[in-house]
Amino acid sequence: MTEEKIEQVKCLIIGSGPAGYTAAIYASRANLKPVLYEGLEPGGQLTTTNDVENFPGYPEGITGPEMMQEFKQQAERFGADCRWGMATSVDFEACPKKVIIDDEKEIHADTVIIATGATAKYLGLPSEEKYKGSGVSACATCDGFFYKEKEVAVVGGGDTAAEEATYLAGLCKKVYLIIRKDYMRASKVMQARVMQTDNLEVLFEHSTKEIYGDGVVEGMKLYKRKGQPDEEIVDLKVDGVFIAIGHKPNTDIFKDYIDLDENGYIVTKGNTSQTNIPGVFAAGDVHDSRYRQAITAAGSGCKAALDAEKYLVTRD
């Protein structure tokens, strides 16, 4: 790597969203002159959320993209350097830490805050892969508009699936919520919303066998009570399928250095953001497999910046 391509920074933030931008706000105010690389999805998962109604300070609610734009503007107001680009490899054994951006630019950072979030999971079916972008989606707020007055299915039984299904019910003629178990994992509030939505039908004990169509999705073959003596195959005619079965933390490039749990989430020490590598901190969904809320992500971004500031002070 040539010298002109190497940049020295006090605080490098990898990833945006509520965690990354909040870390940038606090790090900027602490005069750490943070550089933030936004990743492939600037603003993170919240940019695919239509209405945010549970974040304090927005009594009338706000769209996810608008909120993330305001977070970014606030960070930049205090001097954060927010850039387009993504981290493609790291060397955390080095001192300072080395991070490669877009396979070409090398950053040397005294502290690193990882806020790379998580990515939606898919079922792993060949037919699902075949129809991605042609009727299969993992984001109702991104693609729901294209199914106005049509019939769609949502696969999943948690809060994300319930939220996607109720959102789509406001656009679509009919929504089927396909749940593998005989109960919903979603919170009581979300379960109530689902059950009170007239054009939303829950199919308990159903799972996806395949998705079919001629160029675009036309329907699904479902297992009903799979593995039971009365198992049967159900043909469900739908125009679109939305997958809402969870997320995978974006930690692949860190796994050789950072301690991860069995699901790939970053392990932090106690009630701090500190990882097993001194000077490297984690914030947001990349280490939170339990709450995964905008408000908790923002809070953890604050903690990470404060921890980074303390680390630099005590080190120096």
Protein backbone atom coordinates (compact mmCIF):
# COMPACT_ATOMS: atom_id res chain seq x y z
CA MET A 1 0.00 0.00 0.00
CA THR A 2 1.51 3.35 -1.02
CA GLU A 3 1.89 6.09 1.58
CA GLU A 4 -0.43 8.49 -0.25
CA LYS A 5 -3.27 6.00 0.07
CA ILE A 6 -2.83 5.59 3.83
CA GLU A 7 -4.86 7.86 6.08
CA GLN A 8 -4.36 8.29 9.84
CA VAL A 9 -7.45 8.88 11.98
CA LYS A 10 -8.24 8.96 15.71
CA CYS A 11 -11.63 7.30 15.40
CA LEU A 12 -12.94 5.25 12.50
CA ILE A 13 -16.62 4.26 12.46
CA ILE A 14 -17.54 1.38 10.17
CA GLY A 15 -21.23 1.46 9.28
CA SER A 16 -24.02 3.98 9.65
CA GLY A 17 -27.58 3.69 10.96
CA PRO A 18 -28.63 4.86 14.43
CA ALA A 19 -25.55 3.29 16.05
CA GLY A 20 -22.95 4.62 13.63
CA TYR A 21 -24.37 8.12 13.31
CA THR A 22 -24.88 8.49 17.07
CA ALA A 23 -21.31 7.35 17.66
CA ALA A 24 -20.23 10.00 15.14
CA ILE A 25 -22.20 12.70 16.97
CA TYR A 26 -20.59 11.90 20.32
CA ALA A 27 -17.11 11.32 18.89
CA SER A 28 -17.27 14.63 17.03
CA ARG A 29 -18.27 16.54 20.15
CA ALA A 30 -15.36 14.89 21.96
CA ASN A 31 -13.00 16.24 19.26
CA LEU A 32 -12.06 12.77 18.04
CA LYS A 33 -12.56 13.92 14.43
CA PRO A 34 -14.33 10.70 13.44
CA VAL A 35 -14.37 9.34 9.91
CA LEU A 36 -17.46 7.26 9.15
CA TYR A 37 -17.86 4.90 6.20
CA GLU A 38 -21.54 4.31 5.53
CA GLY A 39 -21.38 0.88 3.89
CA LEU A 40 -23.60 -0.53 1.16
CA GLU A 41 -26.79 0.67 2.86
CA PRO A 42 -26.26 4.23 4.15
CA GLY A 43 -28.53 4.68 7.13
CA GLY A 44 -28.77 0.94 7.75
CA GLN A 45 -31.90 -1.15 8.04
CA LEU A 46 -33.96 1.80 9.24
CA THR A 47 -33.93 3.21 5.72
CA THR A 48 -36.26 0.34 4.78
CA THR A 49 -38.75 1.23 7.54
CA ASN A 50 -41.72 3.28 6.51
CA ASP A 51 -42.99 4.71 9.81
CA VAL A 52 -41.00 5.03 13.03
CA GLU A 53 -43.44 5.72 15.84
CA ASN A 54 -41.51 4.63 18.93
CA PHE A 55 -38.39 6.81 18.85
CA PRO A 56 -38.53 9.59 21.49
CA GLY A 57 -38.73 13.11 20.15
CA TYR A 58 -40.99 12.35 17.19
CA PRO A 59 -44.52 12.54 18.61
CA GLU A 60 -46.08 12.36 15.14
CA GLY A 61 -43.68 9.69 13.91
CA ILE A 62 -41.16 9.92 11.08
CA THR A 63 -40.06 7.75 8.19
CA GLY A 64 -36.86 5.76 8.62
CA PRO A 65 -35.02 7.46 5.72
CA GLU A 66 -35.92 10.93 7.04
CA MET A 67 -34.74 10.04 10.53
CA MET A 68 -31.42 8.70 9.27
CA GLN A 69 -30.86 11.80 7.17
CA GLU A 70 -31.38 13.94 10.28
CA PHE A 71 -28.97 11.76 12.29
CA LYS A 72 -26.35 12.17 9.57
CA GLN A 73 -26.86 15.93 9.33
CA GLN A 74 -26.47 16.25 13.09
CA ALA A 75 -23.21 14.25 13.03
CA GLU A 76 -21.86 16.36 10.16
CA ARG A 77 -22.84 19.57 11.96
CA PHE A 78 -20.31 18.70 14.67
CA GLY A 79 -17.61 17.79 12.18
CA ALA A 80 -18.03 14.09 11.44
CA ASP A 81 -16.62 13.08 8.07
CA CYS A 82 -19.28 10.75 6.61
CA ARG A 83 -18.19 8.98 3.44
CA TRP A 84 -19.51 6.52 0.91
CA GLY A 85 -17.60 3.21 0.98
CA MET A 86 -17.33 -0.04 2.89
CA ALA A 87 -14.68 -1.86 4.88
CA THR A 88 -13.50 -4.93 2.98
CA SER A 89 -10.77 -6.23 5.31
CA VAL A 90 -9.15 -5.43 8.65
CA ASP A 91 -5.99 -6.12 10.64
CA PHE A 92 -6.69 -5.59 14.32
CA GLU A 93 -3.38 -7.06 15.47
CA ALA A 94 -1.65 -4.00 14.07
CA CYS A 95 -1.22 -0.83 16.10
CA PRO A 96 -2.80 1.42 15.01
CA LYS A 97 -5.61 -0.72 13.63
CA LYS A 98 -5.63 -1.21 9.86
CA VAL A 99 -8.85 -1.13 7.85
CA ILE A 100 -9.05 -1.42 4.06
CA ILE A 101 -11.88 0.46 2.35
CA ASP A 102 -13.23 -0.81 -0.98
CA ASP A 103 -10.19 -3.08 -1.39
CA GLU A 104 -7.92 -0.12 -2.05
CA LYS A 105 -7.75 2.64 0.57
CA GLU A 106 -5.93 1.90 3.84
CA ILE A 107 -6.98 3.60 7.07
CA HIS A 108 -4.82 3.53 10.22
CA ALA A 109 -7.09 4.17 13.21
CA ASP A 110 -6.33 4.61 16.90
CA THR A 111 -9.87 3.42 17.67
CA VAL A 112 -12.48 1.60 15.60
CA ILE A 113 -16.22 1.49 16.23
CA ILE A 114 -17.96 -1.37 14.43
CA ALA A 115 -21.57 -0.50 13.56
CA THR A 116 -22.09 -2.72 10.52
CA GLY A 117 -25.52 -3.96 11.60
CA ALA A 118 -27.20 -7.12 10.35
CA THR A 119 -28.63 -8.43 7.07
CA ALA A 120 -31.98 -10.09 6.42
CA LYS A 121 -31.98 -13.89 6.26
CA TYR A 122 -33.60 -15.90 3.47
CA LEU A 123 -35.02 -19.42 3.46
CA GLY A 124 -32.28 -20.81 1.23
CA LEU A 125 -34.57 -22.33 -1.38
CA PRO A 126 -33.42 -22.44 -5.03
CA SER A 127 -36.81 -21.12 -6.13
CA GLU A 128 -36.50 -18.24 -3.65
CA GLU A 129 -33.15 -17.25 -5.16
CA LYS A 130 -34.61 -17.57 -8.65
CA TYR A 131 -37.36 -15.02 -8.00
CA LYS A 132 -35.41 -12.44 -5.99
CA GLY A 133 -36.32 -9.14 -7.59
CA SER A 134 -39.13 -10.82 -9.51
CA GLY A 135 -41.60 -11.32 -6.70
CA VAL A 136 -39.41 -12.29 -3.73
CA SER A 137 -38.30 -9.54 -1.36
CA ALA A 138 -37.05 -9.07 2.21
CA CYS A 139 -38.31 -5.49 2.48
CA ALA A 140 -42.01 -4.69 2.40
CA THR A 141 -41.52 -0.94 2.63
CA CYS A 142 -39.09 -1.05 -0.30
CA ASP A 143 -41.21 -3.15 -2.63
CA GLY A 144 -44.74 -3.16 -1.23
CA PHE A 145 -45.90 -0.39 -3.56
CA PHE A 146 -45.51 -2.73 -6.55
CA TYR A 147 -48.14 -5.06 -5.10
CA LYS A 148 -50.92 -2.56 -4.59
CA GLU A 149 -54.30 -4.31 -4.73
CA LYS A 150 -52.56 -7.68 -5.23
CA GLU A 151 -52.23 -10.74 -3.00
CA VAL A 152 -48.96 -11.43 -1.18
CA ALA A 153 -47.49 -13.67 1.49
CA VAL A 154 -45.15 -12.87 4.37
CA VAL A 155 -43.02 -15.68 5.84
CA GLY A 156 -42.16 -15.43 9.53
CA GLY A 157 -43.67 -15.30 12.99
CA GLY A 158 -41.82 -12.55 14.86
CA ASP A 159 -42.25 -8.79 15.19
CA THR A 160 -40.59 -8.10 11.85
CA ALA A 161 -42.97 -10.43 10.03
CA ALA A 162 -45.98 -8.97 11.83
CA GLU A 163 -44.89 -5.41 11.00
CA GLU A 164 -44.27 -6.29 7.36
CA ALA A 165 -47.64 -8.03 7.10
CA THR A 166 -49.64 -5.17 8.64
CA TYR A 167 -47.83 -2.63 6.46
CA LEU A 168 -48.59 -4.64 3.33
CA ALA A 169 -52.21 -5.03 4.39
CA GLY A 170 -52.57 -1.27 3.93
CA LEU A 171 -51.55 -1.64 0.29
CA CYS A 172 -52.57 -5.09 -0.84
CA LYS A 173 -55.86 -6.76 -1.47
CA LYS A 174 -54.93 -9.77 0.68
CA VAL A 175 -51.97 -10.74 2.86
CA TYR A 176 -51.13 -14.23 4.13
CA LEU A 177 -48.80 -14.55 7.11
CA ILE A 178 -47.10 -17.96 6.92
CA ILE A 179 -45.95 -19.27 10.28
CA ARG A 180 -44.17 -22.60 10.71
CA LYS A 181 -45.26 -23.07 14.32
CA ASP A 182 -48.75 -23.12 15.85
CA TYR A 183 -48.14 -19.77 17.58
CA MET A 184 -46.64 -16.33 16.91
CA ARG A 185 -43.36 -15.19 18.46
CA ALA A 186 -44.27 -11.55 17.94
CA SER A 187 -44.99 -9.21 20.84
CA LYS A 188 -48.57 -9.03 22.16
CA VAL A 189 -49.05 -5.60 20.60
CA MET A 190 -48.03 -6.81 17.15
CA GLN A 191 -50.09 -10.00 17.48
CA ALA A 192 -53.14 -7.88 18.26
CA ARG A 193 -52.53 -5.71 15.19
CA VAL A 194 -52.27 -8.77 12.99
CA MET A 195 -55.44 -10.36 14.31
CA GLN A 196 -57.39 -7.10 14.00
CA THR A 197 -56.45 -6.56 10.35
CA ASP A 198 -59.34 -7.76 8.19
CA ASN A 199 -57.44 -8.57 4.99
CA LEU A 200 -54.62 -10.39 6.81
CA GLU A 201 -54.92 -14.16 7.23
CA VAL A 202 -52.53 -16.15 9.42
CA LEU A 203 -51.63 -19.65 8.24
CA PHE A 204 -50.27 -21.45 11.28
CA GLU A 205 -48.25 -24.68 10.87
CA HIS A 206 -47.38 -23.86 7.27
CA SER A 207 -43.89 -23.71 5.77
CA THR A 208 -42.57 -22.95 2.30
CA LYS A 209 -41.80 -25.84 -0.03
CA GLU A 210 -41.19 -23.79 -3.15
CA ILE A 211 -42.09 -20.61 -4.98
CA TYR A 212 -43.20 -20.84 -8.58
CA GLY A 213 -44.17 -18.73 -11.57
CA ASP A 214 -43.46 -17.93 -15.19
CA GLY A 215 -40.71 -15.30 -14.97
CA VAL A 216 -42.38 -13.70 -11.96
CA VAL A 217 -43.95 -15.14 -8.82
CA GLU A 218 -47.40 -16.60 -9.30
CA GLY A 219 -47.73 -18.71 -6.18
CA MET A 220 -46.22 -20.96 -3.50
CA LYS A 221 -46.34 -24.60 -2.58
CA LEU A 222 -46.66 -24.90 1.20
CA TYR A 223 -46.28 -27.77 3.62
CA LYS A 224 -49.18 -27.88 6.04
CA ARG A 225 -48.19 -29.59 9.31
CA LYS A 226 -44.93 -30.81 7.81
CA GLY A 227 -43.74 -34.11 9.25
CA GLN A 228 -47.10 -34.91 10.84
CA PRO A 229 -49.28 -37.90 9.83
CA ASP A 230 -51.77 -35.50 8.24
CA GLU A 231 -49.16 -33.52 6.30
CA GLU A 232 -50.40 -32.08 3.02
CA ILE A 233 -49.22 -29.75 0.27
CA VAL A 234 -51.16 -26.51 -0.15
CA ASP A 235 -51.12 -24.37 -3.31
CA LEU A 236 -51.29 -20.66 -2.46
CA LYS A 237 -51.75 -18.19 -5.31
CA VAL A 238 -49.86 -14.96 -4.57
CA ASP A 239 -48.16 -12.23 -6.59
CA GLY A 240 -45.31 -11.63 -4.18
CA VAL A 241 -43.47 -13.25 -1.27
CA PHE A 242 -41.82 -11.28 1.53
CA ILE A 243 -39.29 -13.08 3.72
CA ALA A 244 -39.13 -11.89 7.34
CA ILE A 245 -37.31 -14.59 9.33
CA GLY A 246 -34.50 -12.75 11.05
CA HIS A 247 -31.08 -11.33 10.42
CA LYS A 248 -27.40 -12.26 10.17
CA PRO A 249 -24.89 -9.88 11.78
CA ASN A 250 -22.41 -8.39 9.33
CA THR A 251 -19.26 -9.61 11.06
CA ASP A 252 -17.50 -11.80 8.48
CA ILE A 253 -14.50 -9.53 8.00
CA PHE A 254 -13.91 -9.34 11.77
CA LYS A 255 -14.15 -13.04 12.68
CA ASP A 256 -10.38 -13.66 12.69
CA TYR A 257 -9.88 -11.00 15.36
CA ILE A 258 -13.11 -10.32 17.25
CA ASP A 259 -14.85 -12.74 19.62
CA LEU A 260 -18.28 -13.69 18.25
CA ASP A 261 -21.11 -15.72 19.76
CA GLU A 262 -22.56 -18.85 18.18
CA ASN A 263 -24.77 -16.73 15.90
CA GLY A 264 -21.99 -14.42 14.74
CA TYR A 265 -22.83 -11.43 16.95
CA ILE A 266 -19.91 -9.53 18.47
CA VAL A 267 -19.32 -10.26 22.16
CA THR A 268 -18.65 -7.17 24.29
CA LYS A 269 -17.28 -6.92 27.82
CA GLY A 270 -19.83 -6.43 30.58
CA ASN A 271 -21.98 -3.35 30.12
CA THR A 272 -19.47 -1.71 27.78
CA SER A 273 -18.96 -1.63 24.03
CA GLN A 274 -15.39 -2.94 24.34
CA THR A 275 -14.53 -6.04 22.31
CA ASN A 276 -11.69 -8.44 23.06
CA ILE A 277 -9.36 -6.15 21.07
CA PRO A 278 -8.33 -2.99 22.97
CA GLY A 279 -9.44 0.07 21.04
CA VAL A 280 -12.11 -1.75 19.03
CA PHE A 281 -15.73 -1.21 20.04
CA ALA A 282 -19.11 -2.51 18.83
CA ALA A 283 -22.44 -0.69 18.56
CA GLY A 284 -25.93 -1.52 17.35
CA ASP A 285 -27.36 -4.69 15.85
CA VAL A 286 -23.92 -6.10 15.10
CA HIS A 287 -23.73 -7.10 18.78
CA ASP A 288 -27.37 -6.90 19.88
CA SER A 289 -29.33 -10.04 19.07
CA ARG A 290 -32.02 -9.32 21.63
CA TYR A 291 -33.47 -5.82 21.30
CA ARG A 292 -32.55 -4.67 17.77
CA GLN A 293 -34.32 -1.33 18.12
CA ALA A 294 -33.31 2.07 16.80
CA ILE A 295 -33.28 3.55 20.30
CA THR A 296 -31.05 0.82 21.74
CA ALA A 297 -28.74 1.03 18.72
CA ALA A 298 -28.42 4.79 19.21
CA GLY A 299 -27.71 4.28 22.89
CA SER A 300 -24.99 1.76 22.14
CA GLY A 301 -23.46 4.18 19.62
CA CYS A 302 -23.23 6.75 22.40
CA LYS A 303 -21.54 4.18 24.67
CA ALA A 304 -19.05 3.19 21.97
CA ALA A 305 -17.97 6.80 21.38
CA LEU A 306 -17.59 7.45 25.11
CA ASP A 307 -15.62 4.23 25.51
CA ALA A 308 -13.38 5.19 22.59
CA GLU A 309 -12.76 8.62 24.10
CA LYS A 310 -11.89 7.09 27.48
CA TYR A 311 -9.58 4.56 25.84
CA LEU A 312 -7.62 7.31 24.07
CA VAL A 313 -7.34 9.42 27.24
CA THR A 314 -6.13 6.55 29.42
CA ARG A 315 -3.80 5.25 26.70
CA ASP A 316 -2.17 8.62 26.22
